[in-house]
C-alpha atoms as a PDB file:
ATOM      1  CA  MET A   1     -16.981 -18.054   7.782  1.00  0.00           C
ATOM      2  CA  LYS A   2     -13.354 -18.641   8.301  1.00  0.00           C
ATOM      3  CA  LYS A   3     -11.589 -20.824   5.532  1.00  0.00           C
ATOM      4  CA  ASP A   4      -9.761 -23.064   7.941  1.00  0.00           C
ATOM      5  CA  PHE A   5     -12.622 -23.418  10.540  1.00  0.00           C
ATOM      6  CA  LYS A   6     -12.885 -27.286  11.803  1.00  0.00           C
ATOM      7  CA  SER A   7     -15.999 -29.177  13.076  1.00  0.00           C
ATOM      8  CA  GLY A   8     -16.676 -32.305  13.858  1.00  0.00           C
ATOM      9  CA  PHE A   9     -18.336 -35.057  16.294  1.00  0.00           C
ATOM     10  CA  VAL A  10     -16.026 -36.318  19.705  1.00  0.00           C
ATOM     11  CA  THR A  11     -16.980 -38.785  21.983  1.00  0.00           C
ATOM     12  CA  LEU A  12     -16.030 -39.672  25.832  1.00  0.00           C
ATOM     13  CA  ILE A  13     -15.690 -43.024  26.726  1.00  0.00           C
ATOM     14  CA  GLY A  14     -14.307 -45.038  29.754  1.00  0.00           C
ATOM     15  CA  ARG A  15     -15.596 -47.055  32.358  1.00  0.00           C
ATOM     16  CA  PRO A  16     -17.736 -45.145  35.097  1.00  0.00           C
ATOM     17  CA  ASN A  17     -16.662 -42.889  37.466  1.00  0.00           C
ATOM     18  CA  VAL A  18     -13.531 -42.181  35.356  1.00  0.00           C
ATOM     19  CA  GLY A  19     -15.039 -38.141  35.029  1.00  0.00           C
ATOM     20  CA  LYS A  20     -16.415 -38.040  31.669  1.00  0.00           C
ATOM     21  CA  SER A  21     -19.074 -36.033  32.724  1.00  0.00           C
ATOM     22  CA  THR A  22     -16.825 -34.175  35.129  1.00  0.00           C
ATOM     23  CA  LEU A  23     -14.219 -33.400  31.636  1.00  0.00           C
ATOM     24  CA  MET A  24     -17.273 -32.264  29.933  1.00  0.00           C
ATOM     25  CA  ASN A  25     -18.427 -29.885  32.271  1.00  0.00           C
ATOM     26  CA  TYR A  26     -15.349 -28.183  32.620  1.00  0.00           C
ATOM     27  CA  LEU A  27     -14.720 -28.073  29.094  1.00  0.00           C
ATOM     28  CA  ILE A  28     -18.032 -26.331  28.301  1.00  0.00           C
ATOM     29  CA  GLY A  29     -17.950 -24.076  31.548  1.00  0.00           C
ATOM     30  CA  GLN A  30     -21.488 -25.277  32.655  1.00  0.00           C
ATOM     31  CA  LYS A  31     -23.400 -27.865  34.677  1.00  0.00           C
ATOM     32  CA  ILE A  32     -24.954 -30.261  31.614  1.00  0.00           C
ATOM     33  CA  ALA A  33     -23.820 -33.793  31.837  1.00  0.00           C
ATOM     34  CA  ILE A  34     -24.917 -34.731  35.008  1.00  0.00           C
ATOM     35  CA  THR A  35     -22.224 -36.428  37.616  1.00  0.00           C
ATOM     36  CA  SER A  36     -22.831 -39.012  40.090  1.00  0.00           C
ATOM     37  CA  ASN A  37     -20.182 -41.513  41.629  1.00  0.00           C
ATOM     38  CA  LYS A  38     -22.826 -44.179  40.729  1.00  0.00           C
ATOM     39  CA  PRO A  39     -22.203 -46.049  37.589  1.00  0.00           C
ATOM     40  CA  GLN A  40     -24.581 -46.136  34.224  1.00  0.00           C
ATOM     41  CA  THR A  41     -25.566 -42.320  34.959  1.00  0.00           C
ATOM     42  CA  THR A  42     -25.083 -41.115  31.872  1.00  0.00           C
ATOM     43  CA  ARG A  43     -27.624 -42.853  29.550  1.00  0.00           C
ATOM     44  CA  ASN A  44     -28.573 -40.928  26.585  1.00  0.00           C
ATOM     45  CA  ARG A  45     -26.457 -39.358  24.227  1.00  0.00           C
ATOM     46  CA  ILE A  46     -26.406 -36.054  25.472  1.00  0.00           C
ATOM     47  CA  GLN A  47     -24.609 -33.418  23.114  1.00  0.00           C
ATOM     48  CA  THR A  48     -22.837 -30.382  24.476  1.00  0.00           C
ATOM     49  CA  VAL A  49     -21.033 -28.156  21.876  1.00  0.00           C
ATOM     50  CA  LEU A  50     -17.919 -26.477  22.007  1.00  0.00           C
ATOM     51  CA  THR A  51     -17.529 -23.517  19.799  1.00  0.00           C
ATOM     52  CA  THR A  52     -14.306 -21.560  19.685  1.00  0.00           C
ATOM     53  CA  GLU A  53     -12.242 -19.385  17.647  1.00  0.00           C
ATOM     54  CA  GLU A  54     -10.360 -22.386  15.552  1.00  0.00           C
ATOM     55  CA  GLY A  55     -13.536 -24.614  15.315  1.00  0.00           C
ATOM     56  CA  GLN A  56     -16.602 -26.531  16.940  1.00  0.00           C
ATOM     57  CA  ILE A  57     -16.542 -29.466  19.050  1.00  0.00           C
ATOM     58  CA  VAL A  58     -20.033 -31.487  19.301  1.00  0.00           C
ATOM     59  CA  PHE A  59     -19.431 -34.109  22.146  1.00  0.00           C
ATOM     60  CA  VAL A  60     -22.041 -37.163  21.871  1.00  0.00           C
ATOM     61  CA  ASP A  61     -21.372 -38.895  25.017  1.00  0.00           C
ATOM     62  CA  THR A  62     -22.312 -42.308  24.669  1.00  0.00           C
ATOM     63  CA  PRO A  63     -23.376 -44.675  27.183  1.00  0.00           C
ATOM     64  CA  GLY A  64     -20.647 -47.070  29.003  1.00  0.00           C
ATOM     65  CA  ILE A  65     -19.419 -49.715  26.962  1.00  0.00           C
ATOM     66  CA  HIS A  66     -19.530 -52.991  29.402  1.00  0.00           C
ATOM     67  CA  LYS A  67     -21.213 -56.277  28.923  1.00  0.00           C
ATOM     68  CA  ALA A  68     -24.770 -56.015  29.092  1.00  0.00           C
ATOM     69  CA  LYS A  69     -27.005 -57.650  31.808  1.00  0.00           C
ATOM     70  CA  ASN A  70     -30.570 -56.777  30.825  1.00  0.00           C
ATOM     71  CA  LYS A  71     -32.356 -54.911  27.959  1.00  0.00           C
ATOM     72  CA  LEU A  72     -31.366 -51.172  29.181  1.00  0.00           C
ATOM     73  CA  GLY A  73     -27.924 -52.109  29.153  1.00  0.00           C
ATOM     74  CA  GLU A  74     -27.942 -53.725  25.419  1.00  0.00           C
ATOM     75  CA  TYR A  75     -29.557 -50.725  24.308  1.00  0.00           C
ATOM     76  CA  MET A  76     -26.641 -48.863  25.785  1.00  0.00           C
ATOM     77  CA  VAL A  77     -23.916 -51.066  24.712  1.00  0.00           C
ATOM     78  CA  ASN A  78     -25.555 -50.909  21.259  1.00  0.00           C
ATOM     79  CA  VAL A  79     -25.395 -47.582  21.354  1.00  0.00           C
ATOM     80  CA  ALA A  80     -21.907 -46.822  22.191  1.00  0.00           C
ATOM     81  CA  GLU A  81     -20.489 -48.976  19.957  1.00  0.00           C
ATOM     82  CA  ARG A  82     -22.296 -47.627  16.959  1.00  0.00           C
ATOM     83  CA  THR A  83     -21.177 -44.056  18.303  1.00  0.00           C
ATOM     84  CA  LEU A  84     -17.452 -44.946  18.038  1.00  0.00           C
ATOM     85  CA  ASN A  85     -17.703 -45.431  14.223  1.00  0.00           C
ATOM     86  CA  GLU A  86     -19.906 -42.513  13.786  1.00  0.00           C
ATOM     87  CA  VAL A  87     -17.681 -39.776  14.944  1.00  0.00           C
ATOM     88  CA  ASP A  88     -14.441 -37.787  13.958  1.00  0.00           C
ATOM     89  CA  VAL A  89     -12.303 -38.338  17.285  1.00  0.00           C
ATOM     90  CA  VAL A  90     -12.657 -40.779  20.345  1.00  0.00           C
ATOM     91  CA  LEU A  91     -11.223 -39.781  23.799  1.00  0.00           C
ATOM     92  CA  TRP A  92     -10.567 -42.756  25.899  1.00  0.00           C
ATOM     93  CA  LEU A  93     -10.693 -41.273  29.464  1.00  0.00           C
ATOM     94  CA  VAL A  94      -8.871 -43.639  32.261  1.00  0.00           C
ATOM     95  CA  GLU A  95      -7.431 -43.206  35.591  1.00  0.00           C
ATOM     96  CA  PRO A  96      -3.301 -43.181  36.024  1.00  0.00           C
ATOM     97  CA  THR A  97      -2.576 -46.244  37.106  1.00  0.00           C
ATOM     98  CA  THR A  98      -0.152 -49.285  35.804  1.00  0.00           C
ATOM     99  CA  PHE A  99      -2.969 -51.683  36.418  1.00  0.00           C
ATOM    100  CA  ILE A 100      -5.444 -52.182  33.484  1.00  0.00           C
ATOM    101  CA  GLY A 101      -8.558 -54.439  34.547  1.00  0.00           C
ATOM    102  CA  ALA A 102     -10.807 -56.591  32.410  1.00  0.00           C
ATOM    103  CA  GLY A 103     -12.940 -53.187  31.779  1.00  0.00           C
ATOM    104  CA  GLU A 104     -10.265 -51.551  30.199  1.00  0.00           C
ATOM    105  CA  LYS A 105      -9.112 -54.520  28.229  1.00  0.00           C
ATOM    106  CA  HIS A 106     -12.862 -55.134  26.867  1.00  0.00           C
ATOM    107  CA  ILE A 107     -12.600 -51.225  25.665  1.00  0.00           C
ATOM    108  CA  ALA A 108      -9.530 -51.859  24.059  1.00  0.00           C
ATOM    109  CA  GLU A 109     -10.738 -54.733  21.861  1.00  0.00           C
ATOM    110  CA  GLN A 110     -13.978 -53.005  21.346  1.00  0.00           C
ATOM    111  CA  LEU A 111     -11.577 -49.729  19.847  1.00  0.00           C
ATOM    112  CA  LYS A 112      -9.615 -52.417  17.639  1.00  0.00           C
ATOM    113  CA  LYS A 113     -12.644 -52.780  15.238  1.00  0.00           C
ATOM    114  CA  VAL A 114     -12.792 -48.894  14.681  1.00  0.00           C
ATOM    115  CA  SER A 115     -11.021 -46.839  12.551  1.00  0.00           C
ATOM    116  CA  THR A 116     -11.355 -43.436  14.408  1.00  0.00           C
ATOM    117  CA  PRO A 117      -8.481 -41.810  15.860  1.00  0.00           C
ATOM    118  CA  VAL A 118      -8.015 -42.630  19.835  1.00  0.00           C
ATOM    119  CA  ILE A 119      -6.779 -40.067  22.417  1.00  0.00           C
ATOM    120  CA  LEU A 120      -5.959 -41.236  25.491  1.00  0.00           C
ATOM    121  CA  VAL A 121      -6.868 -39.038  28.278  1.00  0.00           C
ATOM    122  CA  ILE A 122      -5.319 -39.941  31.646  1.00  0.00           C
ATOM    123  CA  ASN A 123      -7.433 -37.852  34.436  1.00  0.00           C
ATOM    124  CA  LYS A 124      -7.095 -37.677  37.941  1.00  0.00           C
ATOM    125  CA  ILE A 125      -3.305 -36.663  37.613  1.00  0.00           C
ATOM    126  CA  ASP A 126      -4.001 -34.382  40.848  1.00  0.00           C
ATOM    127  CA  SER A 127      -4.679 -37.429  42.564  1.00  0.00           C
ATOM    128  CA  VAL A 128      -1.393 -39.358  42.031  1.00  0.00           C
ATOM    129  CA  LYS A 129       2.358 -38.093  41.897  1.00  0.00           C
ATOM    130  CA  LYS A 130       3.940 -36.636  39.226  1.00  0.00           C
ATOM    131  CA  GLU A 131       6.645 -39.628  38.478  1.00  0.00           C
ATOM    132  CA  GLU A 132       3.415 -41.968  38.480  1.00  0.00           C
ATOM    133  CA  ILE A 133       2.046 -40.553  35.478  1.00  0.00           C
ATOM    134  CA  LEU A 134       5.008 -41.856  33.002  1.00  0.00           C
ATOM    135  CA  PRO A 135       4.715 -45.471  33.783  1.00  0.00           C
ATOM    136  CA  ALA A 136       0.929 -45.517  33.386  1.00  0.00           C
ATOM    137  CA  ILE A 137       1.230 -43.774  29.711  1.00  0.00           C
ATOM    138  CA  ALA A 138       4.224 -46.783  29.328  1.00  0.00           C
ATOM    139  CA  THR A 139       1.190 -49.294  29.954  1.00  0.00           C
ATOM    140  CA  TYR A 140      -1.473 -47.736  28.076  1.00  0.00           C
ATOM    141  CA  LYS A 141       0.957 -47.504  25.245  1.00  0.00           C
ATOM    142  CA  ASP A 142       1.092 -51.190  25.282  1.00  0.00           C
ATOM    143  CA  ILE A 143      -2.293 -52.285  24.694  1.00  0.00           C
ATOM    144  CA  TYR A 144      -3.531 -49.573  21.877  1.00  0.00           C
ATOM    145  CA  ASP A 145      -2.010 -47.585  19.148  1.00  0.00           C
ATOM    146  CA  PHE A 146      -3.102 -44.053  20.028  1.00  0.00           C
ATOM    147  CA  ALA A 147      -3.130 -41.117  18.146  1.00  0.00           C
ATOM    148  CA  GLU A 148      -2.344 -38.973  21.103  1.00  0.00           C
ATOM    149  CA  ILE A 149      -1.925 -39.273  25.072  1.00  0.00           C
ATOM    150  CA  VAL A 150      -2.948 -36.454  27.290  1.00  0.00           C
ATOM    151  CA  PRO A 151      -2.662 -36.100  31.023  1.00  0.00           C
ATOM    152  CA  VAL A 152      -5.258 -34.000  32.642  1.00  0.00           C
ATOM    153  CA  SER A 153      -7.545 -33.173  35.608  1.00  0.00           C
ATOM    154  CA  ALA A 154     -10.742 -32.995  34.839  1.00  0.00           C
ATOM    155  CA  ARG A 155     -11.756 -31.245  38.232  1.00  0.00           C
ATOM    156  CA  ASN A 156      -9.602 -28.644  38.091  1.00  0.00           C
ATOM    157  CA  GLY A 157      -8.825 -28.181  34.365  1.00  0.00           C
ATOM    158  CA  ASN A 158      -5.543 -28.797  34.614  1.00  0.00           C
ATOM    159  CA  ASN A 159      -3.798 -29.220  30.869  1.00  0.00           C
ATOM    160  CA  THR A 160      -7.550 -29.413  29.509  1.00  0.00           C
ATOM    161  CA  GLU A 161      -5.986 -26.632  26.388  1.00  0.00           C
ATOM    162  CA  GLU A 162      -3.884 -29.184  25.344  1.00  0.00           C
ATOM    163  CA  LEU A 163      -6.461 -31.384  25.263  1.00  0.00           C
ATOM    164  CA  LEU A 164      -8.568 -29.824  23.304  1.00  0.00           C
ATOM    165  CA  LYS A 165      -5.199 -28.739  21.286  1.00  0.00           C
ATOM    166  CA  ALA A 166      -5.041 -32.715  20.251  1.00  0.00           C
ATOM    167  CA  VAL A 167      -8.668 -32.954  19.716  1.00  0.00           C
ATOM    168  CA  MET A 168      -8.542 -30.101  17.002  1.00  0.00           C
ATOM    169  CA  LYS A 169      -5.785 -31.403  14.999  1.00  0.00           C
ATOM    170  CA  TYR A 170      -8.016 -34.534  14.171  1.00  0.00           C
ATOM    171  CA  LEU A 171     -11.050 -32.740  12.905  1.00  0.00           C
ATOM    172  CA  PRO A 172     -12.176 -31.989   9.822  1.00  0.00           C
ATOM    173  CA  TYR A 173     -12.384 -28.608   7.717  1.00  0.00           C
ATOM    174  CA  GLY A 174     -15.817 -27.358   7.497  1.00  0.00           C
ATOM    175  CA  PRO A 175     -18.705 -25.362   8.570  1.00  0.00           C
ATOM    176  CA  GLN A 176     -20.370 -25.408  12.139  1.00  0.00           C
ATOM    177  CA  PHE A 177     -22.681 -27.174  13.225  1.00  0.00           C
ATOM    178  CA  TYR A 178     -24.340 -24.838  15.989  1.00  0.00           C
ATOM    179  CA  ASP A 179     -24.900 -21.647  16.496  1.00  0.00           C
ATOM    180  CA  GLU A 180     -22.039 -20.027  19.335  1.00  0.00           C
ATOM    181  CA  ASP A 181     -24.246 -19.567  22.071  1.00  0.00           C
ATOM    182  CA  THR A 182     -25.893 -22.994  21.340  1.00  0.00           C
ATOM    183  CA  ILE A 183     -24.481 -25.756  24.339  1.00  0.00           C
ATOM    184  CA  THR A 184     -26.805 -28.558  23.988  1.00  0.00           C
ATOM    185  CA  ASP A 185     -29.105 -30.083  21.895  1.00  0.00           C
ATOM    186  CA  GLN A 186     -31.182 -31.947  24.475  1.00  0.00           C
ATOM    187  CA  PRO A 187     -34.716 -30.571  24.926  1.00  0.00           C
ATOM    188  CA  GLU A 188     -35.366 -28.790  27.895  1.00  0.00           C
ATOM    189  CA  ARG A 189     -37.885 -31.337  29.313  1.00  0.00           C
ATOM    190  CA  GLN A 190     -35.143 -33.843  28.955  1.00  0.00           C
ATOM    191  CA  ILE A 191     -32.244 -31.976  30.839  1.00  0.00           C
ATOM    192  CA  VAL A 192     -34.633 -30.925  33.951  1.00  0.00           C
ATOM    193  CA  ALA A 193     -35.424 -34.930  33.569  1.00  0.00           C
ATOM    194  CA  GLU A 194     -31.773 -35.539  34.269  1.00  0.00           C
ATOM    195  CA  LEU A 195     -31.000 -32.800  36.586  1.00  0.00           C
ATOM    196  CA  ILE A 196     -34.171 -34.308  39.157  1.00  0.00           C
ATOM    197  CA  ARG A 197     -32.483 -38.121  38.858  1.00  0.00           C
ATOM    198  CA  GLU A 198     -29.152 -36.538  39.388  1.00  0.00           C
ATOM    199  CA  LYS A 199     -30.470 -35.024  42.828  1.00  0.00           C
ATOM    200  CA  ALA A 200     -32.316 -38.532  43.524  1.00  0.00           C
ATOM    201  CA  LEU A 201     -28.819 -40.155  43.058  1.00  0.00           C
ATOM    202  CA  HIS A 202     -27.107 -37.674  45.169  1.00  0.00           C
ATOM    203  CA  SER A 203     -30.203 -38.216  48.062  1.00  0.00           C
ATOM    204  CA  LEU A 204     -30.318 -41.403  48.217  1.00  0.00           C
ATOM    205  CA  GLN A 205     -28.672 -45.033  49.365  1.00  0.00           C
ATOM    206  CA  GLU A 206     -26.862 -47.447  46.906  1.00  0.00           C
ATOM    207  CA  GLU A 207     -29.318 -49.723  46.581  1.00  0.00           C
ATOM    208  CA  ILE A 208     -31.957 -47.621  44.626  1.00  0.00           C
ATOM    209  CA  PRO A 209     -30.254 -45.540  42.021  1.00  0.00           C
ATOM    210  CA  HIS A 210     -30.714 -47.610  38.776  1.00  0.00           C
ATOM    211  CA  GLY A 211     -33.842 -48.336  39.116  1.00  0.00           C
ATOM    212  CA  ILE A 212     -34.787 -45.144  38.992  1.00  0.00           C
ATOM    213  CA  ALA A 213     -36.300 -43.207  36.066  1.00  0.00           C
ATOM    214  CA  VAL A 214     -38.259 -39.451  35.608  1.00  0.00           C
ATOM    215  CA  ALA A 215     -40.902 -38.480  33.791  1.00  0.00           C
ATOM    216  CA  ILE A 216     -41.576 -34.722  33.156  1.00  0.00           C
ATOM    217  CA  ASP A 217     -45.160 -35.022  33.343  1.00  0.00           C
ATOM    218  CA  SER A 218     -45.811 -31.266  32.292  1.00  0.00           C
ATOM    219  CA  MET A 219     -43.819 -28.026  32.024  1.00  0.00           C
ATOM    220  CA  LYS A 220     -45.617 -24.787  31.590  1.00  0.00           C
ATOM    221  CA  MET A 221     -44.509 -20.979  31.937  1.00  0.00           C
ATOM    222  CA  LYS A 222     -47.162 -19.096  33.854  1.00  0.00           C
ATOM    223  CA  ASN A 223     -46.675 -15.571  34.941  1.00  0.00           C
ATOM    224  CA  LYS A 224     -43.091 -15.810  34.584  1.00  0.00           C
ATOM    225  CA  VAL A 225     -42.788 -18.876  36.681  1.00  0.00           C
ATOM    226  CA  MET A 226     -41.852 -22.485  35.254  1.00  0.00           C
ATOM    227  CA  HIS A 227     -44.282 -25.124  36.585  1.00  0.00           C
ATOM    228  CA  ILE A 228     -42.958 -28.349  36.499  1.00  0.00           C
ATOM    229  CA  ASP A 229     -45.211 -31.882  37.783  1.00  0.00           C
ATOM    230  CA  ALA A 230     -42.336 -34.791  37.487  1.00  0.00           C
ATOM    231  CA  THR A 231     -42.606 -38.242  38.710  1.00  0.00           C
ATOM    232  CA  ILE A 232     -40.018 -40.589  39.934  1.00  0.00           C
ATOM    233  CA  ILE A 233     -40.228 -44.422  38.796  1.00  0.00           C
ATOM    234  CA  CYS A 234     -38.673 -46.846  40.779  1.00  0.00           C
ATOM    235  CA  GLU A 235     -39.156 -50.567  40.670  1.00  0.00           C
ATOM    236  CA  ARG A 236     -40.004 -51.728  44.092  1.00  0.00           C
ATOM    237  CA  ASP A 237     -42.671 -50.744  46.585  1.00  0.00           C
ATOM    238  CA  SER A 238     -39.626 -50.420  49.398  1.00  0.00           C
ATOM    239  CA  HIS A 239     -38.417 -48.319  46.931  1.00  0.00           C
ATOM    240  CA  LYS A 240     -41.047 -45.792  46.802  1.00  0.00           C
ATOM    241  CA  GLY A 241     -40.845 -45.752  50.786  1.00  0.00           C
ATOM    242  CA  ILE A 242     -37.416 -44.791  50.820  1.00  0.00           C
ATOM    243  CA  ILE A 243     -37.834 -42.103  48.049  1.00  0.00           C
ATOM    244  CA  ILE A 244     -40.557 -40.596  49.771  1.00  0.00           C
ATOM    245  CA  GLY A 245     -38.750 -40.662  53.429  1.00  0.00           C
ATOM    246  CA  LYS A 246     -40.216 -40.378  56.538  1.00  0.00           C
ATOM    247  CA  GLN A 247     -43.099 -37.468  56.744  1.00  0.00           C
ATOM    248  CA  GLY A 248     -41.864 -36.702  52.910  1.00  0.00           C
ATOM    249  CA  ASN A 249     -38.846 -35.425  54.230  1.00  0.00           C
ATOM    250  CA  MET A 250     -36.190 -37.349  51.214  1.00  0.00           C
ATOM    251  CA  LEU A 251     -38.533 -36.234  48.549  1.00  0.00           C
ATOM    252  CA  LYS A 252     -38.964 -32.880  49.894  1.00  0.00           C
ATOM    253  CA  LYS A 253     -35.269 -32.771  49.808  1.00  0.00           C
ATOM    254  CA  ILE A 254     -34.891 -34.407  46.524  1.00  0.00           C
ATOM    255  CA  GLY A 255     -37.196 -31.419  45.226  1.00  0.00           C
ATOM    256  CA  SER A 256     -35.584 -28.430  46.346  1.00  0.00           C
ATOM    257  CA  THR A 257     -32.131 -29.407  45.761  1.00  0.00           C
ATOM    258  CA  ALA A 258     -32.956 -30.329  41.880  1.00  0.00           C
ATOM    259  CA  ARG A 259     -35.202 -26.730  41.860  1.00  0.00           C
ATOM    260  CA  TYR A 260     -32.269 -24.870  42.772  1.00  0.00           C
ATOM    261  CA  GLU A 261     -30.098 -26.010  39.836  1.00  0.00           C
ATOM    262  CA  ILE A 262     -33.411 -26.311  37.176  1.00  0.00           C
ATOM    263  CA  GLU A 263     -33.537 -22.413  38.201  1.00  0.00           C
ATOM    264  CA  LYS A 264     -29.933 -22.226  37.854  1.00  0.00           C
ATOM    265  CA  MET A 265     -30.252 -23.743  33.911  1.00  0.00           C
ATOM    266  CA  LEU A 266     -33.733 -21.863  32.924  1.00  0.00           C
ATOM    267  CA  ASP A 267     -32.952 -18.457  34.828  1.00  0.00           C
ATOM    268  CA  CYS A 268     -36.611 -18.075  36.160  1.00  0.00           C
ATOM    269  CA  GLN A 269     -38.441 -18.853  38.745  1.00  0.00           C
ATOM    270  CA  VAL A 270     -39.782 -22.489  39.101  1.00  0.00           C
ATOM    271  CA  ASN A 271     -42.457 -24.664  41.133  1.00  0.00           C
ATOM    272  CA  LEU A 272     -41.754 -28.317  40.935  1.00  0.00           C
ATOM    273  CA  LYS A 273     -43.647 -30.645  42.135  1.00  0.00           C
ATOM    274  CA  LEU A 274     -42.376 -34.654  42.299  1.00  0.00           C
ATOM    275  CA  TRP A 275     -44.504 -37.810  42.535  1.00  0.00           C
ATOM    276  CA  VAL A 276     -43.321 -41.030  42.652  1.00  0.00           C
ATOM    277  CA  LYS A 277     -44.529 -44.323  40.793  1.00  0.00           C
ATOM    278  CA  VAL A 278     -43.799 -48.130  40.872  1.00  0.00           C
ATOM    279  CA  LYS A 279     -43.501 -49.585  37.682  1.00  0.00           C
ATOM    280  CA  LYS A 280     -41.916 -53.263  38.263  1.00  0.00           C
ATOM    281  CA  ASP A 281     -39.322 -53.951  35.661  1.00  0.00           C
ATOM    282  CA  TRP A 282     -39.342 -50.953  33.629  1.00  0.00           C
ATOM    283  CA  ARG A 283     -36.065 -51.654  32.484  1.00  0.00           C
ATOM    284  CA  ASP A 284     -36.561 -54.561  30.655  1.00  0.00           C
ATOM    285  CA  SER A 285     -39.934 -53.291  29.208  1.00  0.00           C
ATOM    286  CA  GLU A 286     -39.154 -52.030  25.549  1.00  0.00           C
ATOM    287  CA  TYR A 287     -42.328 -49.917  25.918  1.00  0.00           C
ATOM    288  CA  LEU A 288     -41.269 -48.126  29.336  1.00  0.00           C
ATOM    289  CA  MET A 289     -37.540 -47.599  28.062  1.00  0.00           C
ATOM    290  CA  LYS A 290     -38.916 -45.569  24.705  1.00  0.00           C
ATOM    291  CA  ASN A 291     -41.694 -43.773  27.314  1.00  0.00           C
ATOM    292  CA  PHE A 292     -38.094 -42.580  29.428  1.00  0.00           C
ATOM    293  CA  GLY A 293     -36.589 -41.516  26.107  1.00  0.00           C
ATOM    294  CA  TYR A 294     -34.625 -44.389  25.446  1.00  0.00           C
ATOM    295  CA  ARG A 295     -35.062 -45.019  21.798  1.00  0.00           C
ATOM    296  CA  GLU A 296     -32.982 -47.355  19.467  1.00  0.00           C
ATOM    297  CA  ASP A 297     -33.194 -45.463  16.544  1.00  0.00           C
ATOM    298  CA  GLU A 298     -31.377 -42.276  17.943  1.00  0.00           C
END
């Protein structure tokens, strides 16, 4: 092992839709964190691992820091705030704007409670003129004492090399935690569930998304084909009808788009069967939340 090898944990925070998952997927080079333009997409601490010549960065993706509305919300806020203290670097993603809203101010307040170095990442620079970036930097400088400020575009990878250099600067020296070829420590079942959930979010209308979870009932390899049975859980009977769709069309669409992604990820043929069940108020039930993989002790 090289003497000057660095390794550490980094977390990405920011309001919903600022591009956290897009950035992570770009840096890692393949799709792991699910992306959707609906808030609260990421619920678990997905760890992705990036190994370079200089070091290894383990990304811990915290659920968003926001004011809680129900048990699921409270859980997400607690996990997020705990994570900030446990990592070596915090990356705070924002948009290139001079308007700082309540959500951003709330995050700045939370950050003042931690001693971890914070790098401000101004994302989506491909969406504004160059001269609009400097005023955005100046505005953010006033609300927090950042270790570094790096403008990037997660979509096309612009300036992401600089960002990685900045991150490495603040990581401690040490051995790598994972093998070079490890990209995530999430069990396959969980990633498959997330992929199905992502496809459901993309296909359905606005009113349902937060109220769905996906449970993997079974996953077995038989004759080189992965057979997966999964259930989409929703909160209302009316939602069940929408998810299934006319003559089952919506469920077929979700199933075929999810199957395509799962086959790419597992690198084998997949036979995916989807069911839909109604479990009212699952987001406020401790038992059901544990059942879908949200555990307070992680």
